[in-house]
Amino acid sequence: MLNRLKNQKGFTLVELLVVVIILAVLAAIVIPQLRSSSQDAKLSALDSDLSTARSSVELYYHQHNSTYPGAIKQHKGVAHTSTEDAFAKQMTYCSDISGNTSDACDAVTFKFGPYLKKSVPKNPLPNAATTTDAQASGVNIDAATATLGTATANDATAKGWYFVQQTGEFFANNTTYSSR
């Protein structure tokens, strides 16, 4: 039995240290690549969401007598509480030609939409300094100006998206990615 123990071989401490150092070097190379891929995926999702939202806004505009969503109308006979609420409902529910919304579509009155499935998408890259996770799917709406950076954009009450109702421009409400 003593001879069998002498014939067993194991790793030395130096060999184990070399393996750990090699793994650490590989990890140092791979981890930044994974972070870059994650950021690229978020940018791709942002571009896709912007394209979908912009197309939906334009389709709404052409089907509603050259009026962009966000004008305060009614949902099931009750006035929307804000332009942001009107925008969200006019994009996600069926609507009539004047912008009133309903849960049910029909072929006569509420024959337009919905333009977005379920809800306004969440901004995958919200401005971390100002936009909370819960606000990332909301929309700031500005009816008076076509420029980003007004009092309602990128401030403490910022939402994930920024929409200029007068011109139909739809942006990511993020100082870094607002030009996309």
Foldseek 3Di string as FASTA:
>chain_A
DVVVVVPDDDDDPVRVVVVVVVVVVVCVVVVVVVVVVVVVVLVVVQVVLQVLLLVLQVVLCVQQVNFGWQPWDEEVPHTQPGSQRRRWQLQAFFAANNSYGYNDDDDPGRPDDNSDHPTRDFNSDAAVVAEDRVQRRTEAEAAPDDDADPPAAPDNVHGQWYAHRPVGDIAGSYPVGRVD
